[in-house]
C-alpha atoms as a PDB file:
ATOM      1  CA  MET A   1     -37.717-125.230 -26.838  1.00  0.00           C
ATOM      2  CA  LEU A   2     -38.923-127.191 -29.882  1.00  0.00           C
ATOM      3  CA  GLU A   3     -35.783-126.303 -31.861  1.00  0.00           C
ATOM      4  CA  GLY A   4     -33.638-127.515 -28.977  1.00  0.00           C
ATOM      5  CA  ILE A   5     -35.446-130.849 -28.810  1.00  0.00           C
ATOM      6  CA  LEU A   6     -35.203-131.393 -32.567  1.00  0.00           C
ATOM      7  CA  GLY A   7     -31.541-130.390 -32.471  1.00  0.00           C
ATOM      8  CA  GLN A   8     -30.913-132.973 -29.759  1.00  0.00           C
ATOM      9  CA  ILE A   9     -32.605-135.666 -31.863  1.00  0.00           C
ATOM     10  CA  ALA A  10     -30.432-134.758 -34.860  1.00  0.00           C
ATOM     11  CA  MET A  11     -27.269-134.851 -32.758  1.00  0.00           C
ATOM     12  CA  ASP A  12     -28.226-138.207 -31.202  1.00  0.00           C
ATOM     13  CA  LEU A  13     -28.969-139.799 -34.558  1.00  0.00           C
ATOM     14  CA  ALA A  14     -25.788-138.365 -36.158  1.00  0.00           C
ATOM     15  CA  GLU A  15     -23.552-140.137 -33.653  1.00  0.00           C
ATOM     16  CA  PRO A  16     -23.457-143.947 -34.055  1.00  0.00           C
ATOM     17  CA  ASP A  17     -22.579-144.404 -30.372  1.00  0.00           C
ATOM     18  CA  MET A  18     -25.586-142.345 -29.303  1.00  0.00           C
ATOM     19  CA  VAL A  19     -28.230-144.312 -31.231  1.00  0.00           C
ATOM     20  CA  TYR A  20     -30.629-146.071 -28.912  1.00  0.00           C
ATOM     21  CA  ARG A  21     -29.619-149.664 -29.539  1.00  0.00           C
ATOM     22  CA  ASN A  22     -32.540-152.089 -29.578  1.00  0.00           C
ATOM     23  CA  LYS A  23     -34.859-149.411 -28.223  1.00  0.00           C
ATOM     24  CA  LYS A  24     -37.634-147.571 -29.949  1.00  0.00           C
ATOM     25  CA  VAL A  25     -37.312-143.803 -30.057  1.00  0.00           C
ATOM     26  CA  LEU A  26     -40.486-142.090 -28.930  1.00  0.00           C
ATOM     27  CA  LEU A  27     -41.075-138.367 -28.988  1.00  0.00           C
ATOM     28  CA  GLY A  28     -44.327-136.530 -28.529  1.00  0.00           C
ATOM     29  CA  PHE A  29     -45.601-133.049 -27.829  1.00  0.00           C
ATOM     30  CA  SER A  30     -48.553-131.751 -25.913  1.00  0.00           C
ATOM     31  CA  MET A  31     -49.832-128.206 -26.339  1.00  0.00           C
ATOM     32  CA  VAL A  32     -52.259-126.505 -23.985  1.00  0.00           C
ATOM     33  CA  PHE A  33     -53.322-122.877 -23.620  1.00  0.00           C
ATOM     34  CA  ASP A  34     -53.176-121.041 -20.297  1.00  0.00           C
ATOM     35  CA  GLN A  35     -55.908-118.705 -19.028  1.00  0.00           C
ATOM     36  CA  HIS A  36     -54.386-115.812 -21.040  1.00  0.00           C
ATOM     37  CA  GLY A  37     -54.527-117.756 -24.304  1.00  0.00           C
ATOM     38  CA  ARG A  38     -50.747-118.327 -24.515  1.00  0.00           C
ATOM     39  CA  PRO A  39     -49.658-121.761 -25.763  1.00  0.00           C
ATOM     40  CA  ARG A  40     -47.536-124.014 -23.548  1.00  0.00           C
ATOM     41  CA  VAL A  41     -45.706-126.863 -25.265  1.00  0.00           C
ATOM     42  CA  GLU A  42     -44.461-129.859 -23.294  1.00  0.00           C
ATOM     43  CA  SER A  43     -42.573-132.841 -24.648  1.00  0.00           C
ATOM     44  CA  PHE A  44     -42.518-136.473 -23.601  1.00  0.00           C
ATOM     45  CA  GLY A  45     -40.746-139.621 -24.725  1.00  0.00           C
ATOM     46  CA  THR A  46     -37.441-141.459 -24.609  1.00  0.00           C
ATOM     47  CA  ILE A  47     -35.297-138.519 -25.750  1.00  0.00           C
ATOM     48  CA  LYS A  48     -33.330-137.049 -22.858  1.00  0.00           C
ATOM     49  CA  PRO A  49     -34.076-133.399 -21.983  1.00  0.00           C
ATOM     50  CA  LEU A  50     -31.607-130.696 -22.919  1.00  0.00           C
ATOM     51  CA  PRO A  51     -29.533-129.155 -20.148  1.00  0.00           C
ATOM     52  CA  ALA A  52     -30.090-125.470 -19.443  1.00  0.00           C
ATOM     53  CA  ARG A  53     -27.954-123.341 -21.742  1.00  0.00           C
ATOM     54  CA  PRO A  54     -25.835-120.614 -20.153  1.00  0.00           C
ATOM     55  CA  GLU A  55     -26.774-117.087 -21.169  1.00  0.00           C
ATOM     56  CA  ASN A  56     -23.470-115.897 -22.635  1.00  0.00           C
ATOM     57  CA  THR A  57     -22.072-118.695 -24.800  1.00  0.00           C
ATOM     58  CA  SER A  58     -21.655-116.747 -28.056  1.00  0.00           C
ATOM     59  CA  ALA A  59     -18.046-115.778 -27.254  1.00  0.00           C
ATOM     60  CA  ALA A  60     -16.946-119.434 -27.307  1.00  0.00           C
ATOM     61  CA  ARG A  61     -19.084-120.461 -30.306  1.00  0.00           C
ATOM     62  CA  PRO A  62     -17.428-120.003 -33.695  1.00  0.00           C
ATOM     63  CA  LEU A  63     -19.560-119.250 -36.742  1.00  0.00           C
ATOM     64  CA  ILE A  64     -18.929-121.737 -39.550  1.00  0.00           C
ATOM     65  CA  GLU A  65     -19.640-121.063 -43.224  1.00  0.00           C
ATOM     66  CA  ILE A  66     -19.338-123.722 -45.953  1.00  0.00           C
ATOM     67  CA  ASN A  67     -18.873-122.844 -49.647  1.00  0.00           C
ATOM     68  CA  GLU A  68     -18.793-125.739 -52.095  1.00  0.00           C
ATOM     69  CA  LEU A  69     -17.030-125.124 -55.402  1.00  0.00           C
ATOM     70  CA  SER A  70     -16.383-127.488 -58.314  1.00  0.00           C
ATOM     71  CA  GLY A  71     -13.217-129.189 -57.031  1.00  0.00           C
ATOM     72  CA  GLN A  72     -12.960-127.923 -53.488  1.00  0.00           C
ATOM     73  CA  ILE A  73     -14.860-126.932 -50.368  1.00  0.00           C
ATOM     74  CA  ASP A  74     -13.978-123.671 -48.618  1.00  0.00           C
ATOM     75  CA  ILE A  75     -14.751-123.438 -44.912  1.00  0.00           C
ATOM     76  CA  THR A  76     -14.613-120.125 -43.052  1.00  0.00           C
ATOM     77  CA  VAL A  77     -14.609-120.166 -39.256  1.00  0.00           C
ATOM     78  CA  GLU A  78     -15.124-116.882 -37.394  1.00  0.00           C
ATOM     79  CA  MET A  79     -13.228-117.281 -34.129  1.00  0.00           C
ATOM     80  CA  LYS A  80     -13.533-114.095 -32.096  1.00  0.00           C
ATOM     81  CA  ASN A  81     -12.137-114.555 -28.579  1.00  0.00           C
ATOM     82  CA  ILE A  82     -11.000-118.104 -29.392  1.00  0.00           C
ATOM     83  CA  ASN A  83      -7.399-119.248 -29.555  1.00  0.00           C
ATOM     84  CA  PRO A  84      -6.918-120.831 -33.026  1.00  0.00           C
ATOM     85  CA  GLU A  85      -4.764-123.616 -31.556  1.00  0.00           C
ATOM     86  CA  ASN A  86      -7.763-124.765 -29.468  1.00  0.00           C
ATOM     87  CA  LEU A  87      -9.989-125.456 -32.494  1.00  0.00           C
ATOM     88  CA  LYS A  88      -9.785-129.095 -33.572  1.00  0.00           C
ATOM     89  CA  TYR A  89     -11.318-130.543 -36.714  1.00  0.00           C
ATOM     90  CA  GLN A  90     -11.649-134.094 -37.978  1.00  0.00           C
ATOM     91  CA  VAL A  91     -12.784-135.214 -41.429  1.00  0.00           C
ATOM     92  CA  ILE A  92     -14.736-138.463 -41.749  1.00  0.00           C
ATOM     93  CA  GLU A  93     -15.988-139.158 -45.294  1.00  0.00           C
ATOM     94  CA  LYS A  94     -18.709-136.539 -45.964  1.00  0.00           C
ATOM     95  CA  LYS A  95     -18.572-135.042 -42.471  1.00  0.00           C
ATOM     96  CA  ILE A  96     -16.303-132.623 -40.668  1.00  0.00           C
ATOM     97  CA  ILE A  97     -16.388-132.330 -36.892  1.00  0.00           C
ATOM     98  CA  PHE A  98     -15.264-129.110 -35.206  1.00  0.00           C
ATOM     99  CA  SER A  99     -14.531-129.124 -31.473  1.00  0.00           C
ATOM    100  CA  ILE A 100     -13.018-126.944 -28.787  1.00  0.00           C
ATOM    101  CA  PRO A 101     -12.072-128.698 -25.537  1.00  0.00           C
ATOM    102  CA  GLY A 102     -11.985-126.898 -22.213  1.00  0.00           C
ATOM    103  CA  ASP A 103     -14.261-125.425 -19.554  1.00  0.00           C
ATOM    104  CA  LYS A 104     -16.923-124.554 -22.148  1.00  0.00           C
ATOM    105  CA  PRO A 105     -16.551-127.323 -24.722  1.00  0.00           C
ATOM    106  CA  PHE A 106     -17.896-126.876 -28.245  1.00  0.00           C
ATOM    107  CA  TYR A 107     -18.881-129.594 -30.725  1.00  0.00           C
ATOM    108  CA  LYS A 108     -20.334-129.155 -34.222  1.00  0.00           C
ATOM    109  CA  LEU A 109     -20.839-131.850 -36.846  1.00  0.00           C
ATOM    110  CA  VAL A 110     -21.214-130.490 -40.394  1.00  0.00           C
ATOM    111  CA  ARG A 111     -22.450-132.748 -43.177  1.00  0.00           C
ATOM    112  CA  LEU A 112     -21.000-132.134 -46.630  1.00  0.00           C
ATOM    113  CA  ASN A 113     -22.260-133.108 -50.081  1.00  0.00           C
ATOM    114  CA  SER A 114     -18.881-134.572 -51.132  1.00  0.00           C
ATOM    115  CA  ASN A 115     -15.986-136.534 -49.701  1.00  0.00           C
ATOM    116  CA  ILE A 116     -12.943-134.371 -48.948  1.00  0.00           C
ATOM    117  CA  GLN A 117      -9.298-134.973 -48.109  1.00  0.00           C
ATOM    118  CA  THR A 118      -8.528-135.324 -44.410  1.00  0.00           C
ATOM    119  CA  GLN A 119      -6.003-132.442 -44.404  1.00  0.00           C
ATOM    120  CA  PRO A 120      -6.700-128.991 -45.832  1.00  0.00           C
ATOM    121  CA  ALA A 121      -4.913-127.905 -49.017  1.00  0.00           C
ATOM    122  CA  LYS A 122      -4.834-124.329 -47.661  1.00  0.00           C
ATOM    123  CA  LYS A 123      -5.072-122.992 -44.130  1.00  0.00           C
ATOM    124  CA  PHE A 124      -5.022-119.255 -43.376  1.00  0.00           C
ATOM    125  CA  TYR A 125      -5.709-117.358 -40.127  1.00  0.00           C
ATOM    126  CA  ASN A 126      -6.026-113.573 -39.887  1.00  0.00           C
ATOM    127  CA  ASN A 127      -7.911-111.266 -37.475  1.00  0.00           C
ATOM    128  CA  GLY A 128     -10.025-114.010 -35.910  1.00  0.00           C
ATOM    129  CA  ILE A 129     -10.980-115.627 -39.250  1.00  0.00           C
ATOM    130  CA  LEU A 130      -9.760-119.128 -40.093  1.00  0.00           C
ATOM    131  CA  GLU A 131     -10.047-120.138 -43.742  1.00  0.00           C
ATOM    132  CA  LEU A 132      -9.688-123.798 -44.693  1.00  0.00           C
ATOM    133  CA  THR A 133      -9.737-125.205 -48.231  1.00  0.00           C
ATOM    134  CA  PHE A 134     -10.291-128.934 -48.643  1.00  0.00           C
ATOM    135  CA  MET A 135      -9.948-130.662 -52.011  1.00  0.00           C
ATOM    136  CA  LYS A 136     -12.754-133.032 -52.978  1.00  0.00           C
ATOM    137  CA  THR A 137     -11.962-136.728 -53.442  1.00  0.00           C
ATOM    138  CA  GLN A 138     -13.648-139.461 -55.441  1.00  0.00           C
ATOM    139  CA  GLU A 139     -16.453-141.218 -53.571  1.00  0.00           C
END
């Protein structure tokens, strides 16, 4: 639960359109113990609650690995049960956004340490693995 709340805060603050304009962001936690000694954590504040997550979402969630080398950044996307044409990516300065539209949409913003070109220098797909190589640019 706590990881979900913190993840929501990070996502909200990463998107300029989602920042609470002219409003203070308040987030607090309360922890109490039930009669069996188990902790119960509740949150309060201006951050909206997370929707319930469906049980089986791993099939539509690609695993993304980033490897930064001297002049390039290699990105490996494991896409089991995902059509490679459905995966969209957009480069904005030191960020790359991966998304999959559809019934079970997917969105992942990945922050990078360097600026990269908007189009990959290499793109290779084989057996559910997409490999992208982006060349670094001057900042």
